Amino acid sequence: MDQKKIGSFMKELRREKGLTQEKLAEQFNVSSRTVSRWENGNNMPDLDILIEISDYFQVDLRDLLDGERKSENMDKKTKETVLQAVDYTNTEAEKYNRRVRICNAVALLLVLIYQLVKGTAYYADYSIVTSLTDIAGGLSIGMLFAGLLMSSRYGVKVRAFKRRLLKREKSEEN
């Protein structure tokens, strides 16, 4: 897939409709800078936006991805399959994002508990309270670190490694 070629084709389609980058950006709820990056071949739109672009310009998705007009309209079954793949990807991303938000919320709650207890007289008077609040403080830092790791690009690598290990274990069991 040649991103520069795709970008040039998108620019050509936009100009055929007489649109500015700003108008196209408004149509797809992105910034004009994003449209510029697409057209320069620096970035690619998400798959769901690519499908919207192909519908908007009335070109086949395959033509859009090839960066030139070649075929007739995408048949209905292929389009439905692609849309199902997009829905699945978006659903999986939302599940993952929900886990990260829960992790961060728990960490925030632990930090709040730690700060509230630390500010009371019980903190210095009872060693068990001191130990528990220190544990809560440590857990909160750990949870924040885990949330940061899971939301970074390294988290993607960790999840991919985990999937490979799980697949390997399943194949060894069978």
N, C-alpha and C. Protein backbone atom coordinates (compact mmCIF):
# COMPACT_ATOMS: atom_id res chain seq x y z
N MET A 1 0.86 -1.17 0.00
CA MET A 1 0.00 0.00 0.00
C MET A 1 0.90 1.24 0.00
N ASP A 2 0.72 2.09 -0.98
CA ASP A 2 1.52 3.30 -1.14
C ASP A 2 0.73 4.49 -0.59
N GLN A 3 1.10 4.95 0.61
CA GLN A 3 0.37 6.03 1.27
C GLN A 3 0.40 7.32 0.47
N LYS A 4 1.51 7.62 -0.17
CA LYS A 4 1.61 8.85 -0.96
C LYS A 4 0.65 8.80 -2.15
N LYS A 5 0.56 7.64 -2.77
CA LYS A 5 -0.34 7.47 -3.91
C LYS A 5 -1.80 7.60 -3.46
N ILE A 6 -2.11 6.99 -2.32
CA ILE A 6 -3.46 7.08 -1.77
C ILE A 6 -3.78 8.54 -1.44
N GLY A 7 -2.82 9.22 -0.82
CA GLY A 7 -3.01 10.62 -0.47
C GLY A 7 -3.25 11.49 -1.69
N SER A 8 -2.48 11.24 -2.74
CA SER A 8 -2.67 12.01 -3.99
C SER A 8 -4.05 11.74 -4.58
N PHE A 9 -4.49 10.50 -4.52
CA PHE A 9 -5.81 10.16 -5.03
C PHE A 9 -6.90 10.84 -4.22
N MET A 10 -6.74 10.86 -2.90
CA MET A 10 -7.71 11.54 -2.05
C MET A 10 -7.75 13.04 -2.36
N LYS A 11 -6.59 13.63 -2.61
CA LYS A 11 -6.52 15.05 -2.96
C LYS A 11 -7.24 15.29 -4.29
N GLU A 12 -7.03 14.40 -5.24
CA GLU A 12 -7.68 14.50 -6.54
C GLU A 12 -9.21 14.41 -6.39
N LEU A 13 -9.66 13.48 -5.57
CA LEU A 13 -11.10 13.33 -5.34
C LEU A 13 -11.68 14.58 -4.68
N ARG A 14 -10.96 15.11 -3.72
CA ARG A 14 -11.42 16.32 -3.02
C ARG A 14 -11.53 17.48 -3.99
N ARG A 15 -10.53 17.64 -4.84
CA ARG A 15 -10.54 18.75 -5.80
C ARG A 15 -11.64 18.58 -6.85
N GLU A 16 -11.92 17.33 -7.26
CA GLU A 16 -12.99 17.08 -8.22
C GLU A 16 -14.33 17.57 -7.67
N LYS A 17 -14.52 17.46 -6.37
CA LYS A 17 -15.76 17.93 -5.74
C LYS A 17 -15.70 19.42 -5.42
N GLY A 18 -14.53 20.04 -5.63
CA GLY A 18 -14.39 21.47 -5.37
C GLY A 18 -14.36 21.80 -3.89
N LEU A 19 -13.82 20.91 -3.09
CA LEU A 19 -13.77 21.11 -1.64
C LEU A 19 -12.39 21.56 -1.19
N THR A 20 -12.37 22.33 -0.13
CA THR A 20 -11.11 22.67 0.53
C THR A 20 -10.83 21.59 1.57
N GLN A 21 -9.60 21.59 2.07
CA GLN A 21 -9.26 20.64 3.13
C GLN A 21 -10.12 20.90 4.37
N GLU A 22 -10.42 22.15 4.62
CA GLU A 22 -11.23 22.51 5.78
C GLU A 22 -12.64 21.94 5.66
N LYS A 23 -13.23 22.07 4.47
CA LYS A 23 -14.59 21.56 4.26
C LYS A 23 -14.63 20.03 4.37
N LEU A 24 -13.62 19.38 3.82
CA LEU A 24 -13.55 17.93 3.91
C LEU A 24 -13.35 17.50 5.37
N ALA A 25 -12.52 18.25 6.08
CA ALA A 25 -12.28 17.95 7.50
C ALA A 25 -13.58 18.06 8.29
N GLU A 26 -14.38 19.07 8.01
CA GLU A 26 -15.68 19.22 8.68
C GLU A 26 -16.59 18.04 8.38
N GLN A 27 -16.55 17.57 7.14
CA GLN A 27 -17.40 16.45 6.72
C GLN A 27 -17.11 15.19 7.54
N PHE A 28 -15.84 14.96 7.88
CA PHE A 28 -15.45 13.73 8.57
C PHE A 28 -15.05 13.96 10.03
N ASN A 29 -15.36 15.15 10.55
CA ASN A 29 -15.10 15.49 11.95
C ASN A 29 -13.64 15.29 12.35
N VAL A 30 -12.73 15.78 11.51
CA VAL A 30 -11.31 15.77 11.80
C VAL A 30 -10.78 17.17 11.56
N SER A 31 -9.52 17.39 11.88
CA SER A 31 -8.94 18.71 11.63
C SER A 31 -8.44 18.80 10.19
N SER A 32 -8.28 20.02 9.71
CA SER A 32 -7.75 20.21 8.35
C SER A 32 -6.30 19.73 8.29
N ARG A 33 -5.62 19.81 9.41
CA ARG A 33 -4.24 19.30 9.47
C ARG A 33 -4.21 17.79 9.25
N THR A 34 -5.21 17.10 9.78
CA THR A 34 -5.30 15.66 9.57
C THR A 34 -5.51 15.35 8.10
N VAL A 35 -6.40 16.09 7.44
CA VAL A 35 -6.64 15.89 6.01
C VAL A 35 -5.35 16.15 5.23
N SER A 36 -4.62 17.18 5.61
CA SER A 36 -3.34 17.47 4.96
C SER A 36 -2.37 16.31 5.11
N ARG A 37 -2.33 15.73 6.30
CA ARG A 37 -1.43 14.58 6.52
C ARG A 37 -1.84 13.38 5.68
N TRP A 38 -3.16 13.18 5.52
CA TRP A 38 -3.62 12.09 4.66
C TRP A 38 -3.17 12.33 3.23
N GLU A 39 -3.39 13.55 2.76
CA GLU A 39 -3.09 13.86 1.36
C GLU A 39 -1.59 13.87 1.07
N ASN A 40 -0.78 14.15 2.07
CA ASN A 40 0.67 14.11 1.87
C ASN A 40 1.24 12.72 2.03
N GLY A 41 0.40 11.77 2.46
CA GLY A 41 0.86 10.40 2.64
C GLY A 41 1.58 10.18 3.95
N ASN A 42 1.46 11.13 4.88
CA ASN A 42 2.13 10.97 6.18
C ASN A 42 1.32 10.10 7.13
N ASN A 43 0.00 10.11 7.01
CA ASN A 43 -0.90 9.32 7.84
C ASN A 43 -1.98 8.73 6.96
N MET A 44 -2.66 7.72 7.52
CA MET A 44 -3.81 7.13 6.85
C MET A 44 -5.02 7.28 7.76
N PRO A 45 -6.19 7.48 7.18
CA PRO A 45 -7.40 7.52 8.00
C PRO A 45 -7.67 6.14 8.60
N ASP A 46 -8.42 6.11 9.70
CA ASP A 46 -8.86 4.83 10.25
C ASP A 46 -9.76 4.15 9.23
N LEU A 47 -9.90 2.85 9.39
CA LEU A 47 -10.67 2.08 8.42
C LEU A 47 -12.11 2.55 8.31
N ASP A 48 -12.73 2.87 9.43
CA ASP A 48 -14.12 3.33 9.36
C ASP A 48 -14.23 4.65 8.61
N ILE A 49 -13.24 5.52 8.76
CA ILE A 49 -13.25 6.79 8.02
C ILE A 49 -12.97 6.54 6.54
N LEU A 50 -12.09 5.58 6.24
CA LEU A 50 -11.82 5.23 4.84
C LEU A 50 -13.11 4.78 4.14
N ILE A 51 -13.90 4.00 4.85
CA ILE A 51 -15.17 3.55 4.27
C ILE A 51 -16.10 4.73 4.03
N GLU A 52 -16.15 5.65 4.98
CA GLU A 52 -16.97 6.85 4.81
C GLU A 52 -16.47 7.68 3.63
N ILE A 53 -15.15 7.80 3.50
CA ILE A 53 -14.57 8.56 2.39
C ILE A 53 -14.93 7.92 1.05
N SER A 54 -14.83 6.59 0.99
CA SER A 54 -15.17 5.91 -0.27
C SER A 54 -16.65 6.10 -0.62
N ASP A 55 -17.52 6.07 0.40
CA ASP A 55 -18.94 6.34 0.15
C ASP A 55 -19.16 7.78 -0.28
N TYR A 56 -18.50 8.70 0.40
CA TYR A 56 -18.68 10.13 0.13
C TYR A 56 -18.26 10.47 -1.30
N PHE A 57 -17.12 9.93 -1.74
CA PHE A 57 -16.63 10.23 -3.09
C PHE A 57 -17.14 9.23 -4.12
N GLN A 58 -17.94 8.26 -3.67
CA GLN A 58 -18.52 7.24 -4.53
C GLN A 58 -17.46 6.49 -5.34
N VAL A 59 -16.42 6.06 -4.61
CA VAL A 59 -15.39 5.21 -5.21
C VAL A 59 -15.31 3.93 -4.39
N ASP A 60 -14.84 2.88 -5.02
CA ASP A 60 -14.67 1.60 -4.35
C ASP A 60 -13.55 1.72 -3.31
N LEU A 61 -13.72 1.05 -2.19
CA LEU A 61 -12.70 1.07 -1.14
C LEU A 61 -11.38 0.52 -1.67
N ARG A 62 -11.46 -0.51 -2.51
CA ARG A 62 -10.23 -1.07 -3.10
C ARG A 62 -9.52 -0.03 -3.96
N ASP A 63 -10.29 0.75 -4.71
CA ASP A 63 -9.69 1.81 -5.53
C ASP A 63 -9.03 2.85 -4.64
N LEU A 64 -9.69 3.19 -3.57
CA LEU A 64 -9.12 4.17 -2.64
C LEU A 64 -7.81 3.65 -2.06
N LEU A 65 -7.78 2.39 -1.67
CA LEU A 65 -6.57 1.81 -1.10
C LEU A 65 -5.47 1.59 -2.15
N ASP A 66 -5.88 1.44 -3.41
CA ASP A 66 -4.89 1.32 -4.49
C ASP A 66 -4.40 2.68 -4.95
N GLY A 67 -5.16 3.73 -4.64
CA GLY A 67 -4.77 5.07 -5.04
C GLY A 67 -5.13 5.42 -6.46
N GLU A 68 -6.05 4.66 -7.07
CA GLU A 68 -6.50 4.93 -8.44
C GLU A 68 -7.80 4.20 -8.71
N ARG A 69 -8.53 4.71 -9.70
CA ARG A 69 -9.80 4.08 -10.08
C ARG A 69 -9.51 2.86 -10.94
N LYS A 70 -10.09 1.74 -10.54
CA LYS A 70 -9.90 0.51 -11.31
C LYS A 70 -11.21 -0.24 -11.52
N SER A 71 -11.94 -0.45 -10.43
CA SER A 71 -13.05 -1.38 -10.50
C SER A 71 -14.40 -0.68 -10.37
N GLU A 72 -15.43 -1.48 -10.47
CA GLU A 72 -16.80 -1.01 -10.26
C GLU A 72 -17.03 -0.86 -8.75
N ASN A 73 -18.24 -0.54 -8.37
CA ASN A 73 -18.56 -0.37 -6.96
C ASN A 73 -18.31 -1.65 -6.17
N MET A 74 -17.94 -1.47 -4.90
CA MET A 74 -17.72 -2.60 -4.01
C MET A 74 -19.04 -3.35 -3.84
N ASP A 75 -19.00 -4.65 -3.97
CA ASP A 75 -20.25 -5.38 -3.78
C ASP A 75 -20.68 -5.32 -2.31
N LYS A 76 -21.96 -5.51 -2.12
CA LYS A 76 -22.58 -5.31 -0.81
C LYS A 76 -21.98 -6.23 0.24
N LYS A 77 -21.72 -7.48 -0.12
CA LYS A 77 -21.20 -8.46 0.84
C LYS A 77 -19.80 -8.07 1.32
N THR A 78 -18.94 -7.62 0.42
CA THR A 78 -17.60 -7.20 0.81
C THR A 78 -17.66 -6.00 1.73
N LYS A 79 -18.53 -5.07 1.41
CA LYS A 79 -18.68 -3.87 2.23
C LYS A 79 -19.16 -4.24 3.64
N GLU A 80 -20.13 -5.16 3.73
CA GLU A 80 -20.63 -5.59 5.02
C GLU A 80 -19.52 -6.27 5.84
N THR A 81 -18.69 -7.07 5.18
CA THR A 81 -17.59 -7.74 5.87
C THR A 81 -16.61 -6.72 6.43
N VAL A 82 -16.27 -5.73 5.63
CA VAL A 82 -15.34 -4.69 6.09
C VAL A 82 -15.95 -3.92 7.27
N LEU A 83 -17.23 -3.59 7.17
CA LEU A 83 -17.89 -2.87 8.26
C LEU A 83 -17.93 -3.70 9.54
N GLN A 84 -18.13 -5.01 9.41
CA GLN A 84 -18.11 -5.88 10.58
C GLN A 84 -16.72 -5.90 11.20
N ALA A 85 -15.68 -5.92 10.37
CA ALA A 85 -14.31 -5.89 10.89
C ALA A 85 -14.04 -4.59 11.63
N VAL A 86 -14.54 -3.49 11.11
CA VAL A 86 -14.38 -2.19 11.77
C VAL A 86 -15.12 -2.19 13.11
N ASP A 87 -16.35 -2.71 13.12
CA ASP A 87 -17.10 -2.77 14.38
C ASP A 87 -16.38 -3.61 15.41
N TYR A 88 -15.84 -4.75 14.98
CA TYR A 88 -15.10 -5.62 15.91
C TYR A 88 -13.89 -4.89 16.47
N THR A 89 -13.14 -4.23 15.61
CA THR A 89 -11.95 -3.50 16.05
C THR A 89 -12.32 -2.40 17.03
N ASN A 90 -13.38 -1.65 16.73
CA ASN A 90 -13.82 -0.58 17.62
C ASN A 90 -14.31 -1.14 18.95
N THR A 91 -15.00 -2.28 18.93
CA THR A 91 -15.48 -2.90 20.17
C THR A 91 -14.31 -3.34 21.03
N GLU A 92 -13.32 -3.97 20.42
CA GLU A 92 -12.15 -4.42 21.17
C GLU A 92 -11.39 -3.23 21.76
N ALA A 93 -11.28 -2.17 20.99
CA ALA A 93 -10.58 -0.97 21.49
C ALA A 93 -11.34 -0.37 22.67
N GLU A 94 -12.67 -0.36 22.60
CA GLU A 94 -13.46 0.18 23.70
C GLU A 94 -13.33 -0.67 24.96
N LYS A 95 -13.31 -1.99 24.81
CA LYS A 95 -13.10 -2.87 25.97
C LYS A 95 -11.75 -2.58 26.62
N TYR A 96 -10.74 -2.46 25.80
CA TYR A 96 -9.40 -2.17 26.30
C TYR A 96 -9.36 -0.81 27.00
N ASN A 97 -9.95 0.20 26.38
CA ASN A 97 -9.96 1.54 26.99
C ASN A 97 -10.73 1.54 28.31
N ARG A 98 -11.79 0.75 28.39
CA ARG A 98 -12.54 0.65 29.64
C ARG A 98 -11.66 0.08 30.75
N ARG A 99 -10.86 -0.93 30.42
CA ARG A 99 -9.95 -1.51 31.42
C ARG A 99 -8.92 -0.48 31.90
N VAL A 100 -8.40 0.30 30.98
CA VAL A 100 -7.42 1.32 31.36
C VAL A 100 -8.08 2.37 32.25
N ARG A 101 -9.30 2.78 31.91
CA ARG A 101 -10.00 3.76 32.75
C ARG A 101 -10.28 3.21 34.14
N ILE A 102 -10.66 1.94 34.25
CA ILE A 102 -10.89 1.33 35.56
C ILE A 102 -9.60 1.29 36.36
N CYS A 103 -8.52 0.91 35.73
CA CYS A 103 -7.21 0.88 36.40
C CYS A 103 -6.85 2.26 36.93
N ASN A 104 -7.04 3.27 36.14
CA ASN A 104 -6.71 4.63 36.57
C ASN A 104 -7.67 5.11 37.67
N ALA A 105 -8.94 4.74 37.59
CA ALA A 105 -9.89 5.14 38.63
C ALA A 105 -9.55 4.50 39.97
N VAL A 106 -9.16 3.22 39.95
CA VAL A 106 -8.76 2.54 41.19
C VAL A 106 -7.52 3.21 41.76
N ALA A 107 -6.59 3.53 40.90
CA ALA A 107 -5.36 4.20 41.37
C ALA A 107 -5.69 5.55 41.99
N LEU A 108 -6.56 6.30 41.37
CA LEU A 108 -6.95 7.60 41.90
C LEU A 108 -7.65 7.46 43.24
N LEU A 109 -8.50 6.46 43.35
CA LEU A 109 -9.19 6.21 44.62
C LEU A 109 -8.18 5.85 45.72
N LEU A 110 -7.20 5.03 45.40
CA LEU A 110 -6.18 4.66 46.38
C LEU A 110 -5.34 5.87 46.80
N VAL A 111 -5.02 6.72 45.85
CA VAL A 111 -4.27 7.94 46.20
C VAL A 111 -5.11 8.82 47.12
N LEU A 112 -6.39 8.94 46.83
CA LEU A 112 -7.28 9.74 47.66
C LEU A 112 -7.36 9.17 49.08
N ILE A 113 -7.52 7.86 49.21
CA ILE A 113 -7.56 7.22 50.52
C ILE A 113 -6.25 7.46 51.27
N TYR A 114 -5.16 7.30 50.57
CA TYR A 114 -3.84 7.50 51.16
C TYR A 114 -3.71 8.92 51.70
N GLN A 115 -4.10 9.89 50.92
CA GLN A 115 -3.97 11.29 51.33
C GLN A 115 -4.91 11.63 52.50
N LEU A 116 -6.12 11.08 52.47
CA LEU A 116 -7.07 11.34 53.55
C LEU A 116 -6.59 10.75 54.87
N VAL A 117 -6.13 9.51 54.84
CA VAL A 117 -5.69 8.85 56.07
C VAL A 117 -4.38 9.46 56.57
N LYS A 118 -3.53 9.81 55.66
CA LYS A 118 -2.23 10.37 56.05
C LYS A 118 -2.42 11.70 56.79
N GLY A 119 -3.47 12.42 56.47
CA GLY A 119 -3.73 13.70 57.11
C GLY A 119 -4.40 13.60 58.47
N THR A 120 -4.72 12.40 58.94
CA THR A 120 -5.40 12.25 60.23
C THR A 120 -4.41 11.90 61.33
N ALA A 121 -4.91 11.97 62.55
CA ALA A 121 -4.07 11.64 63.71
C ALA A 121 -3.82 10.14 63.79
N TYR A 122 -4.70 9.32 63.21
CA TYR A 122 -4.53 7.87 63.25
C TYR A 122 -3.27 7.42 62.53
N TYR A 123 -2.84 8.19 61.55
CA TYR A 123 -1.70 7.80 60.73
C TYR A 123 -0.45 7.63 61.58
N ALA A 124 -0.16 8.57 62.45
CA ALA A 124 1.05 8.51 63.25
C ALA A 124 0.89 7.63 64.49
N ASP A 125 -0.33 7.49 64.99
CA ASP A 125 -0.55 6.78 66.24
C ASP A 125 -0.58 5.26 66.10
N TYR A 126 -1.05 4.76 65.00
CA TYR A 126 -1.22 3.31 64.86
C TYR A 126 -0.35 2.79 63.71
N SER A 127 0.49 1.85 64.03
CA SER A 127 1.40 1.33 63.01
C SER A 127 0.65 0.55 61.92
N ILE A 128 -0.47 -0.11 62.28
CA ILE A 128 -1.24 -0.84 61.28
C ILE A 128 -1.84 0.11 60.24
N VAL A 129 -2.32 1.28 60.70
CA VAL A 129 -2.87 2.28 59.78
C VAL A 129 -1.76 2.81 58.89
N THR A 130 -0.61 3.05 59.47
CA THR A 130 0.54 3.53 58.70
C THR A 130 0.90 2.51 57.62
N SER A 131 0.93 1.24 57.99
CA SER A 131 1.27 0.18 57.03
C SER A 131 0.24 0.09 55.92
N LEU A 132 -1.04 0.14 56.29
CA LEU A 132 -2.10 0.05 55.28
C LEU A 132 -2.08 1.24 54.32
N THR A 133 -1.85 2.42 54.86
CA THR A 133 -1.82 3.59 53.97
C THR A 133 -0.59 3.56 53.07
N ASP A 134 0.52 3.06 53.60
CA ASP A 134 1.70 2.93 52.74
C ASP A 134 1.47 1.90 51.64
N ILE A 135 0.77 0.82 51.98
CA ILE A 135 0.42 -0.17 50.96
C ILE A 135 -0.51 0.45 49.92
N ALA A 136 -1.51 1.22 50.36
CA ALA A 136 -2.43 1.89 49.43
C ALA A 136 -1.67 2.85 48.53
N GLY A 137 -0.71 3.58 49.11
CA GLY A 137 0.10 4.49 48.30
C GLY A 137 0.92 3.74 47.27
N GLY A 138 1.52 2.63 47.67
CA GLY A 138 2.30 1.82 46.73
C GLY A 138 1.44 1.22 45.64
N LEU A 139 0.28 0.71 46.04
CA LEU A 139 -0.65 0.15 45.04
C LEU A 139 -1.11 1.20 44.05
N SER A 140 -1.37 2.40 44.54
CA SER A 140 -1.84 3.45 43.64
C SER A 140 -0.77 3.81 42.61
N ILE A 141 0.45 3.88 43.05
CA ILE A 141 1.55 4.17 42.11
C ILE A 141 1.68 3.02 41.11
N GLY A 142 1.55 1.79 41.61
CA GLY A 142 1.61 0.64 40.71
C GLY A 142 0.49 0.63 39.69
N MET A 143 -0.72 0.97 40.14
CA MET A 143 -1.86 1.01 39.23
C MET A 143 -1.71 2.12 38.18
N LEU A 144 -1.23 3.27 38.62
CA LEU A 144 -0.99 4.36 37.65
C LEU A 144 0.07 3.95 36.64
N PHE A 145 1.12 3.29 37.11
CA PHE A 145 2.17 2.83 36.21
C PHE A 145 1.61 1.80 35.23
N ALA A 146 0.78 0.88 35.73
CA ALA A 146 0.17 -0.13 34.86
C ALA A 146 -0.73 0.54 33.82
N GLY A 147 -1.53 1.52 34.24
CA GLY A 147 -2.39 2.24 33.30
C GLY A 147 -1.59 2.96 32.23
N LEU A 148 -0.50 3.58 32.65
CA LEU A 148 0.37 4.27 31.70
C LEU A 148 0.99 3.28 30.72
N LEU A 149 1.45 2.15 31.24
CA LEU A 149 2.06 1.14 30.39
C LEU A 149 1.04 0.58 29.40
N MET A 150 -0.17 0.29 29.88
CA MET A 150 -1.20 -0.29 29.02
C MET A 150 -1.65 0.68 27.93
N SER A 151 -1.57 1.98 28.19
CA SER A 151 -2.03 2.94 27.20
C SER A 151 -0.91 3.41 26.28
N SER A 152 0.29 2.92 26.46
CA SER A 152 1.41 3.33 25.61
C SER A 152 1.62 2.32 24.49
N ARG A 153 2.53 2.62 23.61
CA ARG A 153 2.81 1.68 22.51
C ARG A 153 3.48 0.42 23.03
N TYR A 154 4.13 0.49 24.18
CA TYR A 154 4.74 -0.70 24.76
C TYR A 154 3.66 -1.65 25.26
N GLY A 155 2.53 -1.10 25.69
CA GLY A 155 1.41 -1.94 26.10
C GLY A 155 0.91 -2.79 24.95
N VAL A 156 0.92 -2.23 23.74
CA VAL A 156 0.50 -2.98 22.55
C VAL A 156 1.45 -4.16 22.35
N LYS A 157 2.74 -3.92 22.51
CA LYS A 157 3.72 -4.99 22.36
C LYS A 157 3.55 -6.05 23.43
N VAL A 158 3.27 -5.63 24.66
CA VAL A 158 3.07 -6.58 25.75
C VAL A 158 1.84 -7.44 25.47
N ARG A 159 0.74 -6.82 25.01
CA ARG A 159 -0.47 -7.58 24.71
C ARG A 159 -0.23 -8.56 23.55
N ALA A 160 0.51 -8.14 22.54
CA ALA A 160 0.81 -9.02 21.41
C ALA A 160 1.65 -10.21 21.88
N PHE A 161 2.61 -9.96 22.74
CA PHE A 161 3.45 -11.03 23.29
C PHE A 161 2.58 -11.99 24.10
N LYS A 162 1.65 -11.46 24.88
CA LYS A 162 0.75 -12.28 25.69
C LYS A 162 -0.11 -13.17 24.79
N ARG A 163 -0.64 -12.61 23.70
CA ARG A 163 -1.45 -13.39 22.77
C ARG A 163 -0.65 -14.53 22.15
N ARG A 164 0.61 -14.24 21.78
CA ARG A 164 1.46 -15.28 21.20
C ARG A 164 1.70 -16.41 22.20
N LEU A 165 1.94 -16.04 23.47
CA LEU A 165 2.15 -17.05 24.50
C LEU A 165 0.90 -17.91 24.70
N LEU A 166 -0.26 -17.25 24.76
CA LEU A 166 -1.51 -17.99 24.94
C LEU A 166 -1.78 -18.93 23.77
N LYS A 167 -1.50 -18.48 22.55
CA LYS A 167 -1.69 -19.34 21.38
C LYS A 167 -0.76 -20.54 21.45
N ARG A 168 0.49 -20.29 21.85
CA ARG A 168 1.48 -21.36 21.96
C ARG A 168 1.03 -22.38 23.02
N GLU A 169 0.52 -21.91 24.15
CA GLU A 169 0.04 -22.81 25.20
C GLU A 169 -1.13 -23.65 24.71
N LYS A 170 -2.06 -23.02 23.98
CA LYS A 170 -3.21 -23.75 23.46
C LYS A 170 -2.77 -24.83 22.48
N SER A 171 -1.81 -24.50 21.61
CA SER A 171 -1.36 -25.47 20.63
C SER A 171 -0.61 -26.62 21.29
N GLU A 172 0.08 -26.35 22.38
CA GLU A 172 0.78 -27.41 23.10
C GLU A 172 -0.19 -28.32 23.83
N GLU A 173 -1.33 -27.76 24.30
CA GLU A 173 -2.34 -28.57 24.98
C GLU A 173 -3.03 -29.52 24.02
N ASN A 174 -3.22 -29.09 22.80
CA ASN A 174 -3.92 -29.92 21.80
C ASN A 174 -2.96 -30.90 21.25
